[in-house]
Amino acid sequence: MVSDEGYTGEVTVGGGADVRELAHLRITKVAVDEAMSNNCYLLTCRKTGDQVLVDAAAEPETLLPLIGDAGLATVVTTHQHWDHHRALDAVVRATGAEVVAGAPDAAAITDQTGVPVTCTVGDGDTVAVGACTLEVIAVAGHTPGSIALVYRDPEGHPHLFTGDSLFPGGVGNTFGDDAAFAQLVDEVETKIFGTLTDDTWFYPGHGDDSTLGAERASIPEWRARGW
């Protein structure tokens, strides 16, 4: 029986993974690195067994056992910040996975990790997880090439992996840059809230999950406070 009952998305570093079983896709969420508490998401096609990792953030000793003998087709790096790709080199060396990133961030990721980005993506591009498909949403502001990934579950609601562009309670950090904040909140509102339904469950780069419906009414408050 396929069921996502019991999944909460509440994970702690060293506390193991939380697994969500959808009809066609398995989502495994794990937190790594005590200092930064990054979320990593291993997505597994239930039909083919193909796997994609969203953010090889840290701790290859945690990530590689999750990947297991099934191997890894692709690592998607949601943006160029150092804390989201510290295990990229080790994971790619161990698995031979392709490396996907938003085009404007690709050079910085390679400069920081030494790992070539083998596929650059932008709005409307797709990433295959076996028989499942992730759609790319480019969401600039946190970094120029930040991306989100949406899986439109044919048997249920959408699932959105937001990196550091959207969290419960607000958009990502723009480090006091007013123009970057305006760009980020505009793109989050139009490209994410403007195109996806309230029952969309989203999975951020740090911390707990939420739904778009739980956050939508707060967008004017986010704009007013400026972060």
C-alpha atoms as a PDB file:
ATOM      1  CA  MET A   1       0.000   0.000   0.000  1.00  0.00           C
ATOM      2  CA  VAL A   2       1.294   3.426  -0.981  1.00  0.00           C
ATOM      3  CA  SER A   3       0.700   6.099   1.651  1.00  0.00           C
ATOM      4  CA  ASP A   4       2.385   9.274   2.819  1.00  0.00           C
ATOM      5  CA  GLU A   5       0.662   9.116   6.210  1.00  0.00           C
ATOM      6  CA  GLY A   6       3.081   9.750   9.023  1.00  0.00           C
ATOM      7  CA  TYR A   7       5.396  12.013   7.041  1.00  0.00           C
ATOM      8  CA  THR A   8       6.024  15.316   8.838  1.00  0.00           C
ATOM      9  CA  GLY A   9       9.185  16.690   7.249  1.00  0.00           C
ATOM     10  CA  GLU A  10      10.584  17.337  10.711  1.00  0.00           C
ATOM     11  CA  VAL A  11      14.156  16.065  10.662  1.00  0.00           C
ATOM     12  CA  THR A  12      17.209  16.725  12.805  1.00  0.00           C
ATOM     13  CA  VAL A  13      20.896  16.298  12.112  1.00  0.00           C
ATOM     14  CA  GLY A  14      21.876  12.769  13.110  1.00  0.00           C
ATOM     15  CA  GLY A  15      18.242  11.818  13.662  1.00  0.00           C
ATOM     16  CA  GLY A  16      17.640   9.845  10.515  1.00  0.00           C
ATOM     17  CA  ALA A  17      15.512  10.489   7.465  1.00  0.00           C
ATOM     18  CA  ASP A  18      11.777  11.059   6.979  1.00  0.00           C
ATOM     19  CA  VAL A  19      10.274   9.239   4.003  1.00  0.00           C
ATOM     20  CA  ARG A  20       7.183  10.147   2.019  1.00  0.00           C
ATOM     21  CA  GLU A  21       5.759   7.499  -0.303  1.00  0.00           C
ATOM     22  CA  LEU A  22       3.748   8.941  -3.185  1.00  0.00           C
ATOM     23  CA  ALA A  23       2.128   6.837  -5.880  1.00  0.00           C
ATOM     24  CA  HIS A  24       5.038   7.241  -8.304  1.00  0.00           C
ATOM     25  CA  LEU A  25       7.776   8.986  -6.321  1.00  0.00           C
ATOM     26  CA  ARG A  26       9.506   8.425  -2.995  1.00  0.00           C
ATOM     27  CA  ILE A  27      10.790  11.543  -1.181  1.00  0.00           C
ATOM     28  CA  THR A  28      13.481  10.994   1.445  1.00  0.00           C
ATOM     29  CA  LYS A  29      14.397  14.047   3.523  1.00  0.00           C
ATOM     30  CA  VAL A  30      17.477  14.205   5.716  1.00  0.00           C
ATOM     31  CA  ALA A  31      19.216  17.015   7.626  1.00  0.00           C
ATOM     32  CA  VAL A  32      23.010  17.323   7.552  1.00  0.00           C
ATOM     33  CA  ASP A  33      25.657  19.417   9.339  1.00  0.00           C
ATOM     34  CA  GLU A  34      24.991  20.470  12.927  1.00  0.00           C
ATOM     35  CA  ALA A  35      25.978  24.096  12.320  1.00  0.00           C
ATOM     36  CA  MET A  36      23.884  24.767   9.188  1.00  0.00           C
ATOM     37  CA  SER A  37      21.211  22.051   9.372  1.00  0.00           C
ATOM     38  CA  ASN A  38      20.733  21.789   5.614  1.00  0.00           C
ATOM     39  CA  ASN A  39      17.995  19.651   4.127  1.00  0.00           C
ATOM     40  CA  CYS A  40      18.845  17.170   1.372  1.00  0.00           C
ATOM     41  CA  TYR A  41      16.160  15.355  -0.619  1.00  0.00           C
ATOM     42  CA  LEU A  42      16.627  12.020  -2.341  1.00  0.00           C
ATOM     43  CA  LEU A  43      13.895  11.459  -4.926  1.00  0.00           C
ATOM     44  CA  THR A  44      13.328   7.919  -6.177  1.00  0.00           C
ATOM     45  CA  CYS A  45      11.106   6.848  -9.063  1.00  0.00           C
ATOM     46  CA  ARG A  46       9.026   3.960  -7.785  1.00  0.00           C
ATOM     47  CA  LYS A  47       8.702   2.469 -11.294  1.00  0.00           C
ATOM     48  CA  THR A  48      12.332   2.532 -12.484  1.00  0.00           C
ATOM     49  CA  GLY A  49      14.349   3.018  -9.296  1.00  0.00           C
ATOM     50  CA  ASP A  50      16.167   6.009 -10.796  1.00  0.00           C
ATOM     51  CA  GLN A  51      17.228   8.602  -8.218  1.00  0.00           C
ATOM     52  CA  VAL A  52      17.881  12.340  -8.057  1.00  0.00           C
ATOM     53  CA  LEU A  53      19.433  14.182  -5.118  1.00  0.00           C
ATOM     54  CA  VAL A  54      18.416  17.769  -4.441  1.00  0.00           C
ATOM     55  CA  ASP A  55      21.426  19.507  -2.826  1.00  0.00           C
ATOM     56  CA  ALA A  56      24.474  17.455  -1.852  1.00  0.00           C
ATOM     57  CA  ALA A  57      24.867  19.855   1.035  1.00  0.00           C
ATOM     58  CA  ALA A  58      27.272  18.018   3.369  1.00  0.00           C
ATOM     59  CA  GLU A  59      28.079  14.664   4.986  1.00  0.00           C
ATOM     60  CA  PRO A  60      28.664  12.244   2.109  1.00  0.00           C
ATOM     61  CA  GLU A  61      28.873   9.605   4.830  1.00  0.00           C
ATOM     62  CA  THR A  62      25.151  10.258   5.405  1.00  0.00           C
ATOM     63  CA  LEU A  63      24.083  10.763   1.794  1.00  0.00           C
ATOM     64  CA  LEU A  64      25.837   7.855   0.104  1.00  0.00           C
ATOM     65  CA  PRO A  65      24.227   5.154   2.286  1.00  0.00           C
ATOM     66  CA  LEU A  66      20.831   6.718   1.533  1.00  0.00           C
ATOM     67  CA  ILE A  67      21.566   6.510  -2.186  1.00  0.00           C
ATOM     68  CA  GLY A  68      22.668   2.920  -1.775  1.00  0.00           C
ATOM     69  CA  ASP A  69      23.306   0.420  -4.533  1.00  0.00           C
ATOM     70  CA  ALA A  70      20.540   1.846  -6.736  1.00  0.00           C
ATOM     71  CA  GLY A  71      22.901   4.590  -7.847  1.00  0.00           C
ATOM     72  CA  LEU A  72      22.224   8.217  -8.603  1.00  0.00           C
ATOM     73  CA  ALA A  73      21.305   9.718 -11.964  1.00  0.00           C
ATOM     74  CA  THR A  74      21.506  13.406 -11.095  1.00  0.00           C
ATOM     75  CA  VAL A  75      22.408  15.895  -8.396  1.00  0.00           C
ATOM     76  CA  VAL A  76      20.486  19.174  -8.591  1.00  0.00           C
ATOM     77  CA  THR A  77      22.139  22.084  -6.771  1.00  0.00           C
ATOM     78  CA  THR A  78      19.467  24.669  -6.023  1.00  0.00           C
ATOM     79  CA  HIS A  79      21.911  27.589  -5.796  1.00  0.00           C
ATOM     80  CA  GLN A  80      25.535  28.550  -5.464  1.00  0.00           C
ATOM     81  CA  HIS A  81      25.876  29.106  -1.700  1.00  0.00           C
ATOM     82  CA  TRP A  82      28.648  27.040  -0.124  1.00  0.00           C
ATOM     83  CA  ASP A  83      26.485  25.238   2.398  1.00  0.00           C
ATOM     84  CA  HIS A  84      24.424  23.563  -0.342  1.00  0.00           C
ATOM     85  CA  HIS A  85      27.207  21.773  -2.220  1.00  0.00           C
ATOM     86  CA  ARG A  86      29.942  20.726   0.212  1.00  0.00           C
ATOM     87  CA  ALA A  87      29.355  17.025  -0.531  1.00  0.00           C
ATOM     88  CA  LEU A  88      28.930  17.511  -4.280  1.00  0.00           C
ATOM     89  CA  ASP A  89      32.430  16.385  -5.220  1.00  0.00           C
ATOM     90  CA  ALA A  90      32.315  13.262  -3.051  1.00  0.00           C
ATOM     91  CA  VAL A  91      28.834  12.269  -4.219  1.00  0.00           C
ATOM     92  CA  VAL A  92      29.638  12.754  -7.903  1.00  0.00           C
ATOM     93  CA  ARG A  93      32.918  10.851  -7.577  1.00  0.00           C
ATOM     94  CA  ALA A  94      31.107   7.941  -5.918  1.00  0.00           C
ATOM     95  CA  THR A  95      28.101   7.803  -8.237  1.00  0.00           C
ATOM     96  CA  GLY A  96      29.026   9.408 -11.559  1.00  0.00           C
ATOM     97  CA  ALA A  97      25.840  11.478 -11.346  1.00  0.00           C
ATOM     98  CA  GLU A  98      25.104  14.315 -13.734  1.00  0.00           C
ATOM     99  CA  VAL A  99      25.173  17.783 -12.122  1.00  0.00           C
ATOM    100  CA  VAL A 100      22.313  20.230 -12.744  1.00  0.00           C
ATOM    101  CA  ALA A 101      22.120  23.888 -11.677  1.00  0.00           C
ATOM    102  CA  GLY A 102      20.571  27.171 -12.694  1.00  0.00           C
ATOM    103  CA  ALA A 103      22.596  28.719 -15.510  1.00  0.00           C
ATOM    104  CA  PRO A 104      23.552  31.972 -13.717  1.00  0.00           C
ATOM    105  CA  ASP A 105      24.966  30.038 -10.726  1.00  0.00           C
ATOM    106  CA  ALA A 106      26.745  27.257 -12.612  1.00  0.00           C
ATOM    107  CA  ALA A 107      30.184  28.860 -12.921  1.00  0.00           C
ATOM    108  CA  ALA A 108      30.255  29.788  -9.229  1.00  0.00           C
ATOM    109  CA  ILE A 109      29.317  26.235  -8.204  1.00  0.00           C
ATOM    110  CA  THR A 110      32.144  24.828 -10.308  1.00  0.00           C
ATOM    111  CA  ASP A 111      34.602  27.429  -9.003  1.00  0.00           C
ATOM    112  CA  GLN A 112      33.740  26.567  -5.403  1.00  0.00           C
ATOM    113  CA  THR A 113      33.594  22.778  -5.746  1.00  0.00           C
ATOM    114  CA  GLY A 114      35.775  21.890  -8.723  1.00  0.00           C
ATOM    115  CA  VAL A 115      32.822  19.915 -10.103  1.00  0.00           C
ATOM    116  CA  PRO A 116      31.621  20.733 -13.639  1.00  0.00           C
ATOM    117  CA  VAL A 117      27.915  21.493 -14.002  1.00  0.00           C
ATOM    118  CA  THR A 118      26.937  19.155 -16.819  1.00  0.00           C
ATOM    119  CA  CYS A 119      23.475  20.632 -17.437  1.00  0.00           C
ATOM    120  CA  THR A 120      22.371  24.219 -16.884  1.00  0.00           C
ATOM    121  CA  VAL A 121      18.654  24.912 -16.588  1.00  0.00           C
ATOM    122  CA  GLY A 122      16.185  27.773 -16.515  1.00  0.00           C
ATOM    123  CA  ASP A 123      12.452  28.421 -16.429  1.00  0.00           C
ATOM    124  CA  GLY A 124      10.419  25.638 -17.971  1.00  0.00           C
ATOM    125  CA  ASP A 125      13.215  23.108 -18.256  1.00  0.00           C
ATOM    126  CA  THR A 126      12.716  19.657 -16.778  1.00  0.00           C
ATOM    127  CA  VAL A 127      14.729  17.124 -14.805  1.00  0.00           C
ATOM    128  CA  ALA A 128      13.815  13.451 -15.091  1.00  0.00           C
ATOM    129  CA  VAL A 129      13.512  11.176 -12.080  1.00  0.00           C
ATOM    130  CA  GLY A 130      12.981   7.963 -14.009  1.00  0.00           C
ATOM    131  CA  ALA A 131       9.379   8.099 -15.208  1.00  0.00           C
ATOM    132  CA  CYS A 132       8.670  11.196 -13.078  1.00  0.00           C
ATOM    133  CA  THR A 133       9.355  14.787 -14.083  1.00  0.00           C
ATOM    134  CA  LEU A 134      10.524  17.827 -12.124  1.00  0.00           C
ATOM    135  CA  GLU A 135       9.769  21.221 -13.642  1.00  0.00           C
ATOM    136  CA  VAL A 136      12.300  24.009 -13.109  1.00  0.00           C
ATOM    137  CA  ILE A 137      11.215  27.412 -11.812  1.00  0.00           C
ATOM    138  CA  ALA A 138      13.953  30.045 -11.885  1.00  0.00           C
ATOM    139  CA  VAL A 139      13.602  32.246  -8.790  1.00  0.00           C
ATOM    140  CA  ALA A 140      16.295  34.922  -8.721  1.00  0.00           C
ATOM    141  CA  GLY A 141      17.038  37.082  -5.693  1.00  0.00           C
ATOM    142  CA  HIS A 142      18.605  34.848  -3.074  1.00  0.00           C
ATOM    143  CA  THR A 143      21.220  34.193  -5.748  1.00  0.00           C
ATOM    144  CA  PRO A 144      21.013  35.031  -9.465  1.00  0.00           C
ATOM    145  CA  GLY A 145      20.601  31.393 -10.468  1.00  0.00           C
ATOM    146  CA  SER A 146      18.460  29.963  -7.676  1.00  0.00           C
ATOM    147  CA  ILE A 147      15.958  27.373  -8.851  1.00  0.00           C
ATOM    148  CA  ALA A 148      12.935  25.586  -7.444  1.00  0.00           C
ATOM    149  CA  LEU A 149      11.636  22.226  -8.659  1.00  0.00           C
ATOM    150  CA  VAL A 150       7.989  21.205  -8.833  1.00  0.00           C
ATOM    151  CA  TYR A 151       6.687  17.649  -9.097  1.00  0.00           C
ATOM    152  CA  ARG A 152       3.046  17.600 -10.211  1.00  0.00           C
ATOM    153  CA  ASP A 153       1.791  14.377  -8.670  1.00  0.00           C
ATOM    154  CA  PRO A 154      -0.864  12.934 -11.009  1.00  0.00           C
ATOM    155  CA  GLU A 155      -2.449  11.215  -8.015  1.00  0.00           C
ATOM    156  CA  GLY A 156      -2.417  14.202  -5.646  1.00  0.00           C
ATOM    157  CA  HIS A 157      -1.156  17.716  -4.980  1.00  0.00           C
ATOM    158  CA  PRO A 158       2.065  19.335  -6.249  1.00  0.00           C
ATOM    159  CA  HIS A 159       5.359  19.007  -4.365  1.00  0.00           C
ATOM    160  CA  LEU A 160       7.836  21.903  -4.558  1.00  0.00           C
ATOM    161  CA  PHE A 161      11.517  21.945  -3.614  1.00  0.00           C
ATOM    162  CA  THR A 162      12.423  25.576  -2.963  1.00  0.00           C
ATOM    163  CA  GLY A 163      16.093  25.653  -1.918  1.00  0.00           C
ATOM    164  CA  ASP A 164      16.594  28.869   0.031  1.00  0.00           C
ATOM    165  CA  SER A 165      14.086  30.939  -1.961  1.00  0.00           C
ATOM    166  CA  LEU A 166      11.010  30.198   0.181  1.00  0.00           C
ATOM    167  CA  PHE A 167      10.584  29.071   3.788  1.00  0.00           C
ATOM    168  CA  PRO A 168       7.690  28.869   6.236  1.00  0.00           C
ATOM    169  CA  GLY A 169       7.366  32.498   7.305  1.00  0.00           C
ATOM    170  CA  GLY A 170       9.112  34.250   4.447  1.00  0.00           C
ATOM    171  CA  VAL A 171      11.385  34.347   1.439  1.00  0.00           C
ATOM    172  CA  GLY A 172      15.100  33.670   1.560  1.00  0.00           C
ATOM    173  CA  ASN A 173      17.777  35.992   2.859  1.00  0.00           C
ATOM    174  CA  THR A 174      18.861  38.779   0.492  1.00  0.00           C
ATOM    175  CA  PHE A 175      21.495  40.143   2.878  1.00  0.00           C
ATOM    176  CA  GLY A 176      20.173  43.710   3.058  1.00  0.00           C
ATOM    177  CA  ASP A 177      20.004  44.165  -0.714  1.00  0.00           C
ATOM    178  CA  ASP A 178      16.676  45.923  -1.299  1.00  0.00           C
ATOM    179  CA  ALA A 179      16.692  45.298  -5.047  1.00  0.00           C
ATOM    180  CA  ALA A 180      17.393  41.599  -4.576  1.00  0.00           C
ATOM    181  CA  PHE A 181      14.603  41.340  -1.997  1.00  0.00           C
ATOM    182  CA  ALA A 182      12.141  43.030  -4.348  1.00  0.00           C
ATOM    183  CA  GLN A 183      13.136  40.669  -7.127  1.00  0.00           C
ATOM    184  CA  LEU A 184      12.872  37.593  -4.921  1.00  0.00           C
ATOM    185  CA  VAL A 185       9.501  38.390  -3.381  1.00  0.00           C
ATOM    186  CA  ASP A 186       8.116  39.359  -6.814  1.00  0.00           C
ATOM    187  CA  GLU A 187       9.297  36.112  -8.386  1.00  0.00           C
ATOM    188  CA  VAL A 188       8.106  33.987  -5.487  1.00  0.00           C
ATOM    189  CA  GLU A 189       4.679  35.636  -5.650  1.00  0.00           C
ATOM    190  CA  THR A 190       4.251  35.450  -9.424  1.00  0.00           C
ATOM    191  CA  LYS A 191       6.068  32.237 -10.350  1.00  0.00           C
ATOM    192  CA  ILE A 192       5.239  30.126  -7.298  1.00  0.00           C
ATOM    193  CA  PHE A 193       2.132  31.448  -5.552  1.00  0.00           C
ATOM    194  CA  GLY A 194       0.747  32.708  -8.869  1.00  0.00           C
ATOM    195  CA  THR A 195       0.961  29.346 -10.615  1.00  0.00           C
ATOM    196  CA  LEU A 196       0.593  26.684  -7.927  1.00  0.00           C
ATOM    197  CA  THR A 197      -2.350  25.747  -5.731  1.00  0.00           C
ATOM    198  CA  ASP A 198      -2.698  26.190  -1.981  1.00  0.00           C
ATOM    199  CA  ASP A 199      -2.329  22.450  -1.378  1.00  0.00           C
ATOM    200  CA  THR A 200       1.200  22.514  -2.838  1.00  0.00           C
ATOM    201  CA  TRP A 201       3.550  21.126  -0.209  1.00  0.00           C
ATOM    202  CA  PHE A 202       6.961  22.743  -0.241  1.00  0.00           C
ATOM    203  CA  TYR A 203      10.302  21.494   0.985  1.00  0.00           C
ATOM    204  CA  PRO A 204      12.894  24.178   1.841  1.00  0.00           C
ATOM    205  CA  GLY A 205      16.669  24.078   2.088  1.00  0.00           C
ATOM    206  CA  HIS A 206      16.596  24.334   5.893  1.00  0.00           C
ATOM    207  CA  GLY A 207      13.980  23.577   8.526  1.00  0.00           C
ATOM    208  CA  ASP A 208      10.422  22.319   8.357  1.00  0.00           C
ATOM    209  CA  ASP A 209       8.098  22.048   5.358  1.00  0.00           C
ATOM    210  CA  SER A 210       4.892  23.997   4.785  1.00  0.00           C
ATOM    211  CA  THR A 211       2.150  24.504   2.184  1.00  0.00           C
ATOM    212  CA  LEU A 212       1.537  27.476  -0.060  1.00  0.00           C
ATOM    213  CA  GLY A 213      -1.919  27.845   1.470  1.00  0.00           C
ATOM    214  CA  ALA A 214      -0.432  28.282   4.934  1.00  0.00           C
ATOM    215  CA  GLU A 215       1.864  31.072   3.698  1.00  0.00           C
ATOM    216  CA  ARG A 216      -0.076  32.906   0.979  1.00  0.00           C
ATOM    217  CA  ALA A 217      -1.872  35.431   3.202  1.00  0.00           C
ATOM    218  CA  SER A 218       1.446  36.565   4.700  1.00  0.00           C
ATOM    219  CA  ILE A 219       3.002  37.847   1.469  1.00  0.00           C
ATOM    220  CA  PRO A 220       1.934  41.482   2.097  1.00  0.00           C
ATOM    221  CA  GLU A 221       3.519  41.267   5.562  1.00  0.00           C
ATOM    222  CA  TRP A 222       6.774  39.975   4.034  1.00  0.00           C
ATOM    223  CA  ARG A 223       6.807  42.864   1.576  1.00  0.00           C
ATOM    224  CA  ALA A 224       6.127  45.416   4.299  1.00  0.00           C
ATOM    225  CA  ARG A 225       8.905  44.218   6.612  1.00  0.00           C
ATOM    226  CA  GLY A 226      11.428  43.940   3.771  1.00  0.00           C
ATOM    227  CA  TRP A 227      12.733  40.468   4.490  1.00  0.00           C
END
